């Protein structure tokens, strides 16, 4: 059977969310029979694969494939999904998120009728009804080349986009594997090769903010994540060189390296020694920025990024040590205050 769109879901230990994620695909107004759903499990240790297998037995348009080994990042799973897809268009869905009911119909209709290379929609969190987007994304926008509007580089999240499979294959676009920021590399490769990109002013995706272990707050980001991002950034640099698009380096990396640096500074799971190692490992990326101009604007990061660029990582480490010391003092002060309040209560 021929399908209109292939939806690819990489999974890992998602037993609590996967049913609702798959349900959002089955409820699509385009008709589930027009969708090929491909689910790749990265060696889950819970009941994820059993859930997938149960669906595969019931529905011929739901397929699952296995990686040869655990990858620890979504890139390999998505690449395998692309390889086994049979429809003309590709979409990506994370294992704990959901599509809006008419998402695929809207995205497919637009990309097929306009003969575009990329169509992008809005997204919101489960907690909010208001779309999350940059200030300039308030109407439909069409461009024939990324050079017409480089603000598109600030758009993230691969899962709110649709691509023609031929476009991906013809330009040899792949997700880097065993690193993070793999979606950034894929997007930059796509943006710099695309002849037509369309942003539609429609909410198509519900994003889940997970708490606890899977929290995305800066405080909880550890070595594997921050180191994995560096690996992904180097892959993005390769893509810029491949596509003769290094002129966009500043536009991309002022934003991403500034965020990475903030996460490094705020991380409470890393020692000062490890933070220094990561700074030294990332220094080449900072050095390649022509003019340091963090996006969004951040005067502290601007100063620190310039220091890294100019071989003054020790100055940055000194700053981090001072910030860590301030945090410890705040914690001590907070505990003393609590003890003081308890003493007053007990005395009364």
C-alpha atoms as a PDB file:
ATOM      1  CA  UNK A   1       0.000   0.000   0.000  1.00  0.00           C
ATOM      2  CA  UNK A   2       1.145   3.547  -0.752  1.00  0.00           C
ATOM      3  CA  UNK A   3       1.227   6.049   2.120  1.00  0.00           C
ATOM      4  CA  UNK A   4       1.256   9.837   1.954  1.00  0.00           C
ATOM      5  CA  UNK A   5       3.518  10.454   4.948  1.00  0.00           C
ATOM      6  CA  UNK A   6       5.981   8.388   6.998  1.00  0.00           C
ATOM      7  CA  UNK A   7       6.137   9.361  10.690  1.00  0.00           C
ATOM      8  CA  UNK A   8       9.336   8.250  12.447  1.00  0.00           C
ATOM      9  CA  UNK A   9       9.461   7.872  16.236  1.00  0.00           C
ATOM     10  CA  UNK A  10      12.724   7.068  18.086  1.00  0.00           C
ATOM     11  CA  UNK A  11      11.964   5.570  21.503  1.00  0.00           C
ATOM     12  CA  UNK A  12      13.715   4.754  24.754  1.00  0.00           C
ATOM     13  CA  UNK A  13      11.962   3.788  28.021  1.00  0.00           C
ATOM     14  CA  UNK A  14       8.752   5.534  27.017  1.00  0.00           C
ATOM     15  CA  UNK A  15       6.139   3.099  28.342  1.00  0.00           C
ATOM     16  CA  UNK A  16       4.340   5.899  30.218  1.00  0.00           C
ATOM     17  CA  UNK A  17       3.864   8.098  27.146  1.00  0.00           C
ATOM     18  CA  UNK A  18       4.044   5.962  24.009  1.00  0.00           C
ATOM     19  CA  UNK A  19       0.364   5.000  23.848  1.00  0.00           C
ATOM     20  CA  UNK A  20      -0.771   8.633  23.826  1.00  0.00           C
ATOM     21  CA  UNK A  21       1.925   9.511  21.273  1.00  0.00           C
ATOM     22  CA  UNK A  22       0.818   6.734  18.904  1.00  0.00           C
ATOM     23  CA  UNK A  23      -2.838   7.613  19.531  1.00  0.00           C
ATOM     24  CA  UNK A  24      -2.180  11.168  18.311  1.00  0.00           C
ATOM     25  CA  UNK A  25      -0.971   9.718  15.001  1.00  0.00           C
ATOM     26  CA  UNK A  26      -3.943   7.357  14.703  1.00  0.00           C
ATOM     27  CA  UNK A  27      -6.399  10.251  15.242  1.00  0.00           C
ATOM     28  CA  UNK A  28      -5.042  12.340  12.361  1.00  0.00           C
ATOM     29  CA  UNK A  29      -7.684  13.903  10.107  1.00  0.00           C
ATOM     30  CA  UNK A  30      -5.695  12.885   7.009  1.00  0.00           C
ATOM     31  CA  UNK A  31      -6.678   9.302   7.876  1.00  0.00           C
ATOM     32  CA  UNK A  32      -4.445   6.813   9.661  1.00  0.00           C
ATOM     33  CA  UNK A  33      -4.549   4.575   6.594  1.00  0.00           C
ATOM     34  CA  UNK A  34      -2.530   7.250   4.755  1.00  0.00           C
ATOM     35  CA  UNK A  35       0.272   7.202   7.343  1.00  0.00           C
ATOM     36  CA  UNK A  36       3.211   4.850   7.669  1.00  0.00           C
ATOM     37  CA  UNK A  37       4.295   4.828  11.322  1.00  0.00           C
ATOM     38  CA  UNK A  38       7.867   3.650  11.931  1.00  0.00           C
ATOM     39  CA  UNK A  39       9.032   3.174  15.526  1.00  0.00           C
ATOM     40  CA  UNK A  40      12.676   2.474  16.388  1.00  0.00           C
ATOM     41  CA  UNK A  41      13.474   1.442  19.971  1.00  0.00           C
ATOM     42  CA  UNK A  42      16.957   2.133  21.340  1.00  0.00           C
ATOM     43  CA  UNK A  43      17.158  -0.965  23.575  1.00  0.00           C
ATOM     44  CA  UNK A  44      14.629   0.115  26.212  1.00  0.00           C
ATOM     45  CA  UNK A  45      14.768  -1.596  29.606  1.00  0.00           C
ATOM     46  CA  UNK A  46      11.037  -1.202  30.330  1.00  0.00           C
ATOM     47  CA  UNK A  47       7.950  -2.399  28.402  1.00  0.00           C
ATOM     48  CA  UNK A  48       8.413  -0.036  25.454  1.00  0.00           C
ATOM     49  CA  UNK A  49       9.259  -2.729  22.887  1.00  0.00           C
ATOM     50  CA  UNK A  50       6.320  -4.900  24.017  1.00  0.00           C
ATOM     51  CA  UNK A  51       3.959  -1.961  23.527  1.00  0.00           C
ATOM     52  CA  UNK A  52       5.389  -1.436  20.029  1.00  0.00           C
ATOM     53  CA  UNK A  53       5.125  -5.139  19.150  1.00  0.00           C
ATOM     54  CA  UNK A  54       1.453  -5.214  20.191  1.00  0.00           C
ATOM     55  CA  UNK A  55       0.681  -2.353  17.797  1.00  0.00           C
ATOM     56  CA  UNK A  56       2.662  -3.961  14.975  1.00  0.00           C
ATOM     57  CA  UNK A  57       0.553  -7.125  15.288  1.00  0.00           C
ATOM     58  CA  UNK A  58      -2.690  -5.126  14.973  1.00  0.00           C
ATOM     59  CA  UNK A  59      -1.803  -2.596  12.267  1.00  0.00           C
ATOM     60  CA  UNK A  60       0.016  -3.284   9.000  1.00  0.00           C
ATOM     61  CA  UNK A  61       1.045   0.380   8.652  1.00  0.00           C
ATOM     62  CA  UNK A  62       2.924   0.370  11.980  1.00  0.00           C
ATOM     63  CA  UNK A  63       6.454  -1.009  11.628  1.00  0.00           C
ATOM     64  CA  UNK A  64       9.383  -1.437  13.969  1.00  0.00           C
ATOM     65  CA  UNK A  65      13.072  -1.989  13.280  1.00  0.00           C
ATOM     66  CA  UNK A  66      15.990  -2.637  15.597  1.00  0.00           C
ATOM     67  CA  UNK A  67      19.392  -0.974  15.848  1.00  0.00           C
ATOM     68  CA  UNK A  68      22.451  -3.227  15.896  1.00  0.00           C
ATOM     69  CA  UNK A  69      23.544  -1.701  19.214  1.00  0.00           C
ATOM     70  CA  UNK A  70      22.396   0.876  21.756  1.00  0.00           C
ATOM     71  CA  UNK A  71      23.126   4.379  20.465  1.00  0.00           C
ATOM     72  CA  UNK A  72      22.092   6.624  23.381  1.00  0.00           C
ATOM     73  CA  UNK A  73      20.935   9.397  21.012  1.00  0.00           C
ATOM     74  CA  UNK A  74      18.044   9.687  18.505  1.00  0.00           C
ATOM     75  CA  UNK A  75      20.156  10.148  15.355  1.00  0.00           C
ATOM     76  CA  UNK A  76      20.729   6.468  14.536  1.00  0.00           C
ATOM     77  CA  UNK A  77      17.058   5.586  15.086  1.00  0.00           C
ATOM     78  CA  UNK A  78      15.855   8.385  12.820  1.00  0.00           C
ATOM     79  CA  UNK A  79      18.331   7.422  10.094  1.00  0.00           C
ATOM     80  CA  UNK A  80      17.103   3.825  10.238  1.00  0.00           C
ATOM     81  CA  UNK A  81      13.531   5.072  10.027  1.00  0.00           C
ATOM     82  CA  UNK A  82      14.334   7.147   6.930  1.00  0.00           C
ATOM     83  CA  UNK A  83      16.025   4.135   5.337  1.00  0.00           C
ATOM     84  CA  UNK A  84      12.933   1.937   5.772  1.00  0.00           C
ATOM     85  CA  UNK A  85      10.307   4.594   4.937  1.00  0.00           C
ATOM     86  CA  UNK A  86       8.296   4.109   1.752  1.00  0.00           C
ATOM     87  CA  UNK A  87       6.241   7.320   1.409  1.00  0.00           C
ATOM     88  CA  UNK A  88       7.159  10.548  -0.372  1.00  0.00           C
ATOM     89  CA  UNK A  89       7.196  12.711   2.765  1.00  0.00           C
ATOM     90  CA  UNK A  90       8.861  12.403   6.174  1.00  0.00           C
ATOM     91  CA  UNK A  91       7.933  13.693   9.624  1.00  0.00           C
ATOM     92  CA  UNK A  92       9.540  13.088  13.015  1.00  0.00           C
ATOM     93  CA  UNK A  93       7.754  12.692  16.353  1.00  0.00           C
ATOM     94  CA  UNK A  94       9.346  12.341  19.799  1.00  0.00           C
ATOM     95  CA  UNK A  95       8.209   9.386  21.918  1.00  0.00           C
ATOM     96  CA  UNK A  96       6.572  11.475  24.652  1.00  0.00           C
ATOM     97  CA  UNK A  97       4.922  14.208  22.574  1.00  0.00           C
ATOM     98  CA  UNK A  98       1.764  14.404  20.444  1.00  0.00           C
ATOM     99  CA  UNK A  99       0.573  15.866  17.157  1.00  0.00           C
ATOM    100  CA  UNK A 100      -2.475  18.110  17.004  1.00  0.00           C
ATOM    101  CA  UNK A 101      -5.304  16.195  15.285  1.00  0.00           C
ATOM    102  CA  UNK A 102      -4.983  17.972  11.927  1.00  0.00           C
ATOM    103  CA  UNK A 103      -1.187  18.443  11.987  1.00  0.00           C
ATOM    104  CA  UNK A 104      -0.231  15.961   9.273  1.00  0.00           C
ATOM    105  CA  UNK A 105      -3.067  17.024   6.963  1.00  0.00           C
ATOM    106  CA  UNK A 106      -2.051  20.698   7.206  1.00  0.00           C
ATOM    107  CA  UNK A 107       1.652  20.013   6.754  1.00  0.00           C
ATOM    108  CA  UNK A 108       1.187  17.500   3.921  1.00  0.00           C
ATOM    109  CA  UNK A 109      -1.304  19.686   2.021  1.00  0.00           C
ATOM    110  CA  UNK A 110       1.019  22.671   2.166  1.00  0.00           C
ATOM    111  CA  UNK A 111       4.234  20.907   1.149  1.00  0.00           C
ATOM    112  CA  UNK A 112       2.577  18.887  -1.637  1.00  0.00           C
ATOM    113  CA  UNK A 113       0.641  21.810  -3.142  1.00  0.00           C
ATOM    114  CA  UNK A 114       3.535  24.277  -2.916  1.00  0.00           C
ATOM    115  CA  UNK A 115       6.271  21.819  -3.978  1.00  0.00           C
ATOM    116  CA  UNK A 116       8.361  23.003  -1.019  1.00  0.00           C
ATOM    117  CA  UNK A 117      11.444  21.386   0.510  1.00  0.00           C
ATOM    118  CA  UNK A 118      10.518  22.180   4.113  1.00  0.00           C
ATOM    119  CA  UNK A 119       7.277  23.174   5.834  1.00  0.00           C
ATOM    120  CA  UNK A 120       7.386  24.282   9.474  1.00  0.00           C
ATOM    121  CA  UNK A 121       4.541  24.725  11.978  1.00  0.00           C
ATOM    122  CA  UNK A 122       4.134  26.114  15.481  1.00  0.00           C
ATOM    123  CA  UNK A 123       4.178  24.126  18.714  1.00  0.00           C
ATOM    124  CA  UNK A 124       2.919  24.480  22.262  1.00  0.00           C
ATOM    125  CA  UNK A 125       3.462  22.656  25.543  1.00  0.00           C
ATOM    126  CA  UNK A 126       0.806  20.422  27.066  1.00  0.00           C
ATOM    127  CA  UNK A 127       0.454  22.946  29.888  1.00  0.00           C
ATOM    128  CA  UNK A 128      -0.206  25.942  27.627  1.00  0.00           C
ATOM    129  CA  UNK A 129      -2.687  26.754  24.916  1.00  0.00           C
ATOM    130  CA  UNK A 130      -0.524  29.549  23.484  1.00  0.00           C
ATOM    131  CA  UNK A 131       1.995  28.697  20.773  1.00  0.00           C
ATOM    132  CA  UNK A 132       5.679  28.996  21.586  1.00  0.00           C
ATOM    133  CA  UNK A 133       7.512  30.865  18.841  1.00  0.00           C
ATOM    134  CA  UNK A 134       9.786  33.782  18.087  1.00  0.00           C
ATOM    135  CA  UNK A 135       8.260  37.231  17.877  1.00  0.00           C
ATOM    136  CA  UNK A 136       8.561  37.384  14.070  1.00  0.00           C
ATOM    137  CA  UNK A 137       6.649  34.145  13.465  1.00  0.00           C
ATOM    138  CA  UNK A 138       3.153  35.625  13.435  1.00  0.00           C
ATOM    139  CA  UNK A 139       2.090  34.979   9.831  1.00  0.00           C
ATOM    140  CA  UNK A 140       2.768  32.582   6.967  1.00  0.00           C
ATOM    141  CA  UNK A 141       6.253  33.138   5.551  1.00  0.00           C
ATOM    142  CA  UNK A 142       7.704  31.738   2.319  1.00  0.00           C
ATOM    143  CA  UNK A 143      11.332  31.971   1.219  1.00  0.00           C
ATOM    144  CA  UNK A 144      13.137  30.471  -1.774  1.00  0.00           C
ATOM    145  CA  UNK A 145      16.520  30.396  -0.045  1.00  0.00           C
ATOM    146  CA  UNK A 146      17.771  30.688   3.521  1.00  0.00           C
ATOM    147  CA  UNK A 147      19.721  33.800   2.513  1.00  0.00           C
ATOM    148  CA  UNK A 148      16.369  35.595   2.062  1.00  0.00           C
ATOM    149  CA  UNK A 149      15.665  35.358   5.807  1.00  0.00           C
ATOM    150  CA  UNK A 150      18.412  34.038   8.090  1.00  0.00           C
ATOM    151  CA  UNK A 151      16.047  34.351  11.066  1.00  0.00           C
ATOM    152  CA  UNK A 152      14.943  30.855  10.058  1.00  0.00           C
ATOM    153  CA  UNK A 153      18.182  29.618  11.649  1.00  0.00           C
ATOM    154  CA  UNK A 154      16.656  30.484  15.035  1.00  0.00           C
ATOM    155  CA  UNK A 155      13.816  27.990  14.427  1.00  0.00           C
ATOM    156  CA  UNK A 156      14.474  24.705  16.183  1.00  0.00           C
ATOM    157  CA  UNK A 157      12.712  21.396  16.807  1.00  0.00           C
ATOM    158  CA  UNK A 158      12.842  18.929  13.932  1.00  0.00           C
ATOM    159  CA  UNK A 159       9.524  17.459  15.029  1.00  0.00           C
ATOM    160  CA  UNK A 160       7.396  20.357  13.767  1.00  0.00           C
ATOM    161  CA  UNK A 161       8.634  20.000  10.192  1.00  0.00           C
ATOM    162  CA  UNK A 162       7.887  17.915   7.098  1.00  0.00           C
ATOM    163  CA  UNK A 163      10.310  17.077   4.283  1.00  0.00           C
ATOM    164  CA  UNK A 164      10.106  15.351   0.887  1.00  0.00           C
ATOM    165  CA  UNK A 165      12.077  12.109   1.095  1.00  0.00           C
ATOM    166  CA  UNK A 166      13.672  12.789  -2.302  1.00  0.00           C
ATOM    167  CA  UNK A 167      15.003  16.131  -1.019  1.00  0.00           C
ATOM    168  CA  UNK A 168      16.633  14.376   1.941  1.00  0.00           C
ATOM    169  CA  UNK A 169      18.099  11.605  -0.211  1.00  0.00           C
ATOM    170  CA  UNK A 170      19.267  13.793  -3.098  1.00  0.00           C
ATOM    171  CA  UNK A 171      21.201  16.064  -0.736  1.00  0.00           C
ATOM    172  CA  UNK A 172      22.503  13.141   1.364  1.00  0.00           C
ATOM    173  CA  UNK A 173      21.115  14.679   4.540  1.00  0.00           C
ATOM    174  CA  UNK A 174      21.506  12.496   7.634  1.00  0.00           C
ATOM    175  CA  UNK A 175      21.355  12.793  11.392  1.00  0.00           C
ATOM    176  CA  UNK A 176      24.790  12.496  13.046  1.00  0.00           C
ATOM    177  CA  UNK A 177      24.853   9.513  15.386  1.00  0.00           C
ATOM    178  CA  UNK A 178      25.929   9.080  19.035  1.00  0.00           C
ATOM    179  CA  UNK A 179      25.952  12.856  19.616  1.00  0.00           C
ATOM    180  CA  UNK A 180      23.354  15.407  20.688  1.00  0.00           C
ATOM    181  CA  UNK A 181      22.229  18.486  18.724  1.00  0.00           C
ATOM    182  CA  UNK A 182      21.700  15.947  15.934  1.00  0.00           C
ATOM    183  CA  UNK A 183      18.505  17.752  14.973  1.00  0.00           C
ATOM    184  CA  UNK A 184      20.434  21.030  14.626  1.00  0.00           C
ATOM    185  CA  UNK A 185      22.846  19.408  12.165  1.00  0.00           C
ATOM    186  CA  UNK A 186      19.951  17.923  10.183  1.00  0.00           C
ATOM    187  CA  UNK A 187      18.102  21.263  10.098  1.00  0.00           C
ATOM    188  CA  UNK A 188      21.145  23.295   9.037  1.00  0.00           C
ATOM    189  CA  UNK A 189      21.872  20.779   6.277  1.00  0.00           C
ATOM    190  CA  UNK A 190      18.235  21.034   5.168  1.00  0.00           C
ATOM    191  CA  UNK A 191      17.982  24.834   5.403  1.00  0.00           C
ATOM    192  CA  UNK A 192      21.171  25.440   3.423  1.00  0.00           C
ATOM    193  CA  UNK A 193      20.062  23.063   0.638  1.00  0.00           C
ATOM    194  CA  UNK A 194      16.395  24.056   0.434  1.00  0.00           C
ATOM    195  CA  UNK A 195      14.965  25.970  -2.523  1.00  0.00           C
ATOM    196  CA  UNK A 196      11.641  26.652  -0.822  1.00  0.00           C
ATOM    197  CA  UNK A 197      10.859  26.875   2.901  1.00  0.00           C
ATOM    198  CA  UNK A 198       7.410  27.699   4.271  1.00  0.00           C
ATOM    199  CA  UNK A 199       6.392  28.560   7.816  1.00  0.00           C
ATOM    200  CA  UNK A 200       2.667  28.095   8.428  1.00  0.00           C
ATOM    201  CA  UNK A 201       1.031  30.074  11.215  1.00  0.00           C
ATOM    202  CA  UNK A 202      -0.637  26.975  12.697  1.00  0.00           C
ATOM    203  CA  UNK A 203      -0.046  24.959  15.891  1.00  0.00           C
ATOM    204  CA  UNK A 204       0.778  21.383  14.880  1.00  0.00           C
ATOM    205  CA  UNK A 205       2.664  19.915  17.835  1.00  0.00           C
ATOM    206  CA  UNK A 206       2.290  19.402  21.602  1.00  0.00           C
ATOM    207  CA  UNK A 207       5.601  19.285  23.450  1.00  0.00           C
ATOM    208  CA  UNK A 208       5.911  17.643  26.861  1.00  0.00           C
ATOM    209  CA  UNK A 209       8.064  19.234  29.556  1.00  0.00           C
ATOM    210  CA  UNK A 210       9.165  16.227  31.593  1.00  0.00           C
ATOM    211  CA  UNK A 211      10.074  16.611  35.248  1.00  0.00           C
ATOM    212  CA  UNK A 212      12.562  14.868  37.504  1.00  0.00           C
ATOM    213  CA  UNK A 213      15.290  12.854  35.803  1.00  0.00           C
ATOM    214  CA  UNK A 214      14.379  14.010  32.312  1.00  0.00           C
ATOM    215  CA  UNK A 215      14.204  17.674  33.244  1.00  0.00           C
ATOM    216  CA  UNK A 216      15.793  20.013  30.733  1.00  0.00           C
ATOM    217  CA  UNK A 217      16.753  22.665  33.275  1.00  0.00           C
ATOM    218  CA  UNK A 218      20.341  23.898  33.174  1.00  0.00           C
ATOM    219  CA  UNK A 219      20.971  22.786  36.759  1.00  0.00           C
ATOM    220  CA  UNK A 220      20.552  19.111  35.874  1.00  0.00           C
ATOM    221  CA  UNK A 221      22.552  19.010  32.637  1.00  0.00           C
ATOM    222  CA  UNK A 222      25.568  16.762  33.081  1.00  0.00           C
ATOM    223  CA  UNK A 223      28.683  15.641  31.253  1.00  0.00           C
ATOM    224  CA  UNK A 224      27.095  13.282  28.700  1.00  0.00           C
ATOM    225  CA  UNK A 225      24.644  15.933  27.554  1.00  0.00           C
ATOM    226  CA  UNK A 226      27.044  18.888  27.375  1.00  0.00           C
ATOM    227  CA  UNK A 227      29.813  16.795  25.833  1.00  0.00           C
ATOM    228  CA  UNK A 228      27.328  15.303  23.374  1.00  0.00           C
ATOM    229  CA  UNK A 229      26.308  18.794  22.288  1.00  0.00           C
ATOM    230  CA  UNK A 230      29.925  19.662  21.480  1.00  0.00           C
ATOM    231  CA  UNK A 231      30.068  16.571  19.272  1.00  0.00           C
ATOM    232  CA  UNK A 232      26.862  17.665  17.538  1.00  0.00           C
ATOM    233  CA  UNK A 233      28.194  21.186  16.997  1.00  0.00           C
ATOM    234  CA  UNK A 234      31.293  19.827  15.290  1.00  0.00           C
ATOM    235  CA  UNK A 235      28.998  17.793  13.013  1.00  0.00           C
ATOM    236  CA  UNK A 236      27.091  20.993  12.194  1.00  0.00           C
ATOM    237  CA  UNK A 237      30.374  22.672  11.291  1.00  0.00           C
ATOM    238  CA  UNK A 238      31.091  19.814   8.859  1.00  0.00           C
ATOM    239  CA  UNK A 239      27.698  20.413   7.228  1.00  0.00           C
ATOM    240  CA  UNK A 240      28.390  24.141   6.820  1.00  0.00           C
ATOM    241  CA  UNK A 241      31.705  23.331   5.140  1.00  0.00           C
ATOM    242  CA  UNK A 242      30.077  20.692   2.914  1.00  0.00           C
ATOM    243  CA  UNK A 243      27.424  23.155   1.722  1.00  0.00           C
ATOM    244  CA  UNK A 244      29.826  26.101   1.377  1.00  0.00           C
ATOM    245  CA  UNK A 245      27.715  27.881   4.011  1.00  0.00           C
ATOM    246  CA  UNK A 246      30.299  28.916   6.620  1.00  0.00           C
ATOM    247  CA  UNK A 247      29.122  32.515   6.199  1.00  0.00           C
ATOM    248  CA  UNK A 248      26.217  31.529   8.472  1.00  0.00           C
ATOM    249  CA  UNK A 249      28.517  30.285  11.253  1.00  0.00           C
ATOM    250  CA  UNK A 250      28.127  33.379  13.460  1.00  0.00           C
ATOM    251  CA  UNK A 251      24.346  33.403  13.047  1.00  0.00           C
ATOM    252  CA  UNK A 252      24.072  29.808  14.234  1.00  0.00           C
ATOM    253  CA  UNK A 253      26.771  29.452  16.859  1.00  0.00           C
ATOM    254  CA  UNK A 254      26.352  32.772  18.667  1.00  0.00           C
ATOM    255  CA  UNK A 255      22.970  31.406  19.703  1.00  0.00           C
ATOM    256  CA  UNK A 256      23.846  27.795  20.441  1.00  0.00           C
ATOM    257  CA  UNK A 257      27.240  28.272  22.103  1.00  0.00           C
ATOM    258  CA  UNK A 258      25.844  31.014  24.321  1.00  0.00           C
ATOM    259  CA  UNK A 259      23.125  28.661  25.556  1.00  0.00           C
ATOM    260  CA  UNK A 260      25.667  25.842  25.962  1.00  0.00           C
ATOM    261  CA  UNK A 261      27.929  28.105  28.039  1.00  0.00           C
ATOM    262  CA  UNK A 262      25.055  29.116  30.332  1.00  0.00           C
ATOM    263  CA  UNK A 263      24.164  25.457  30.865  1.00  0.00           C
ATOM    264  CA  UNK A 264      27.799  24.666  31.672  1.00  0.00           C
ATOM    265  CA  UNK A 265      28.072  27.491  34.216  1.00  0.00           C
ATOM    266  CA  UNK A 266      24.792  26.605  35.943  1.00  0.00           C
ATOM    267  CA  UNK A 267      25.271  22.819  35.966  1.00  0.00           C
ATOM    268  CA  UNK A 268      25.437  21.448  39.511  1.00  0.00           C
ATOM    269  CA  UNK A 269      26.426  17.948  38.414  1.00  0.00           C
ATOM    270  CA  UNK A 270      29.869  18.881  37.074  1.00  0.00           C
ATOM    271  CA  UNK A 271      33.123  19.509  38.941  1.00  0.00           C
ATOM    272  CA  UNK A 272      35.251  22.574  38.167  1.00  0.00           C
ATOM    273  CA  UNK A 273      37.820  20.247  36.582  1.00  0.00           C
ATOM    274  CA  UNK A 274      35.229  18.738  34.233  1.00  0.00           C
ATOM    275  CA  UNK A 275      33.887  22.173  33.310  1.00  0.00           C
ATOM    276  CA  UNK A 276      37.400  23.234  32.381  1.00  0.00           C
ATOM    277  CA  UNK A 277      37.864  20.120  30.229  1.00  0.00           C
ATOM    278  CA  UNK A 278      34.642  20.853  28.358  1.00  0.00           C
ATOM    279  CA  UNK A 279      35.617  24.494  27.842  1.00  0.00           C
ATOM    280  CA  UNK A 280      38.949  23.461  26.361  1.00  0.00           C
ATOM    281  CA  UNK A 281      37.248  20.889  24.141  1.00  0.00           C
ATOM    282  CA  UNK A 282      34.816  23.503  22.828  1.00  0.00           C
ATOM    283  CA  UNK A 283      37.364  26.301  22.379  1.00  0.00           C
ATOM    284  CA  UNK A 284      37.800  25.706  18.639  1.00  0.00           C
ATOM    285  CA  UNK A 285      34.072  26.349  18.143  1.00  0.00           C
ATOM    286  CA  UNK A 286      34.234  29.682  20.003  1.00  0.00           C
ATOM    287  CA  UNK A 287      37.364  30.710  18.100  1.00  0.00           C
ATOM    288  CA  UNK A 288      35.564  30.328  14.785  1.00  0.00           C
ATOM    289  CA  UNK A 289      32.964  32.966  15.660  1.00  0.00           C
ATOM    290  CA  UNK A 290      33.928  36.163  13.851  1.00  0.00           C
ATOM    291  CA  UNK A 291      32.120  38.609  16.124  1.00  0.00           C
ATOM    292  CA  UNK A 292      30.835  37.487  19.511  1.00  0.00           C
ATOM    293  CA  UNK A 293      27.216  38.575  19.733  1.00  0.00           C
ATOM    294  CA  UNK A 294      25.159  36.189  21.913  1.00  0.00           C
ATOM    295  CA  UNK A 295      21.576  35.628  20.857  1.00  0.00           C
ATOM    296  CA  UNK A 296      19.543  36.530  22.796  1.00  0.00           C
ATOM    297  CA  UNK A 297      21.728  39.354  24.081  1.00  0.00           C
ATOM    298  CA  UNK A 298      23.696  38.482  27.200  1.00  0.00           C
ATOM    299  CA  UNK A 299      26.488  40.795  28.318  1.00  0.00           C
ATOM    300  CA  UNK A 300      27.996  38.255  30.727  1.00  0.00           C
ATOM    301  CA  UNK A 301      28.152  35.582  28.034  1.00  0.00           C
ATOM    302  CA  UNK A 302      29.598  38.057  25.565  1.00  0.00           C
ATOM    303  CA  UNK A 303      32.520  38.747  27.910  1.00  0.00           C
ATOM    304  CA  UNK A 304      33.079  35.075  28.712  1.00  0.00           C
ATOM    305  CA  UNK A 305      32.771  33.925  25.079  1.00  0.00           C
ATOM    306  CA  UNK A 306      35.398  36.485  24.071  1.00  0.00           C
ATOM    307  CA  UNK A 307      37.700  35.180  26.782  1.00  0.00           C
ATOM    308  CA  UNK A 308      37.324  31.592  25.534  1.00  0.00           C
ATOM    309  CA  UNK A 309      37.959  32.770  21.979  1.00  0.00           C
ATOM    310  CA  UNK A 310      41.147  34.539  23.103  1.00  0.00           C
ATOM    311  CA  UNK A 311      42.631  31.566  24.979  1.00  0.00           C
ATOM    312  CA  UNK A 312      41.627  32.853  28.424  1.00  0.00           C
ATOM    313  CA  UNK A 313      39.661  29.839  29.640  1.00  0.00           C
ATOM    314  CA  UNK A 314      41.296  30.172  33.084  1.00  0.00           C
ATOM    315  CA  UNK A 315      39.528  33.519  33.490  1.00  0.00           C
ATOM    316  CA  UNK A 316      36.217  31.814  32.728  1.00  0.00           C
ATOM    317  CA  UNK A 317      36.986  29.063  35.257  1.00  0.00           C
ATOM    318  CA  UNK A 318      37.771  31.727  37.869  1.00  0.00           C
ATOM    319  CA  UNK A 319      34.378  33.289  37.181  1.00  0.00           C
ATOM    320  CA  UNK A 320      32.668  29.885  37.511  1.00  0.00           C
ATOM    321  CA  UNK A 321      34.460  29.254  40.835  1.00  0.00           C
ATOM    322  CA  UNK A 322      33.212  32.595  42.154  1.00  0.00           C
ATOM    323  CA  UNK A 323      29.655  31.795  41.045  1.00  0.00           C
ATOM    324  CA  UNK A 324      29.828  28.360  42.690  1.00  0.00           C
ATOM    325  CA  UNK A 325      31.096  29.972  45.901  1.00  0.00           C
ATOM    326  CA  UNK A 326      28.233  32.504  45.831  1.00  0.00           C
ATOM    327  CA  UNK A 327      25.719  29.678  45.429  1.00  0.00           C
ATOM    328  CA  UNK A 328      27.214  27.843  48.412  1.00  0.00           C
ATOM    329  CA  UNK A 329      26.987  30.997  50.515  1.00  0.00           C
ATOM    330  CA  UNK A 330      23.340  31.438  49.497  1.00  0.00           C
ATOM    331  CA  UNK A 331      22.625  27.831  50.446  1.00  0.00           C
ATOM    332  CA  UNK A 332      24.318  28.245  53.845  1.00  0.00           C
ATOM    333  CA  UNK A 333      22.449  31.503  54.439  1.00  0.00           C
ATOM    334  CA  UNK A 334      19.175  29.828  53.507  1.00  0.00           C
ATOM    335  CA  UNK A 335      19.817  26.937  55.908  1.00  0.00           C
ATOM    336  CA  UNK A 336      20.766  29.326  58.720  1.00  0.00           C
ATOM    337  CA  UNK A 337      17.603  31.311  58.098  1.00  0.00           C
ATOM    338  CA  UNK A 338      15.497  28.154  58.269  1.00  0.00           C
ATOM    339  CA  UNK A 339      17.243  27.072  61.459  1.00  0.00           C
ATOM    340  CA  UNK A 340      16.625  30.520  62.937  1.00  0.00           C
ATOM    341  CA  UNK A 341      12.919  30.316  62.120  1.00  0.00           C
ATOM    342  CA  UNK A 342      12.695  26.836  63.638  1.00  0.00           C
ATOM    343  CA  UNK A 343      14.387  28.036  66.810  1.00  0.00           C
ATOM    344  CA  UNK A 344      11.864  30.856  67.128  1.00  0.00           C
ATOM    345  CA  UNK A 345       8.981  28.435  66.651  1.00  0.00           C
ATOM    346  CA  UNK A 346      10.386  26.000  69.225  1.00  0.00           C
ATOM    347  CA  UNK A 347      11.017  28.813  71.674  1.00  0.00           C
ATOM    348  CA  UNK A 348       7.410  29.944  71.398  1.00  0.00           C
END
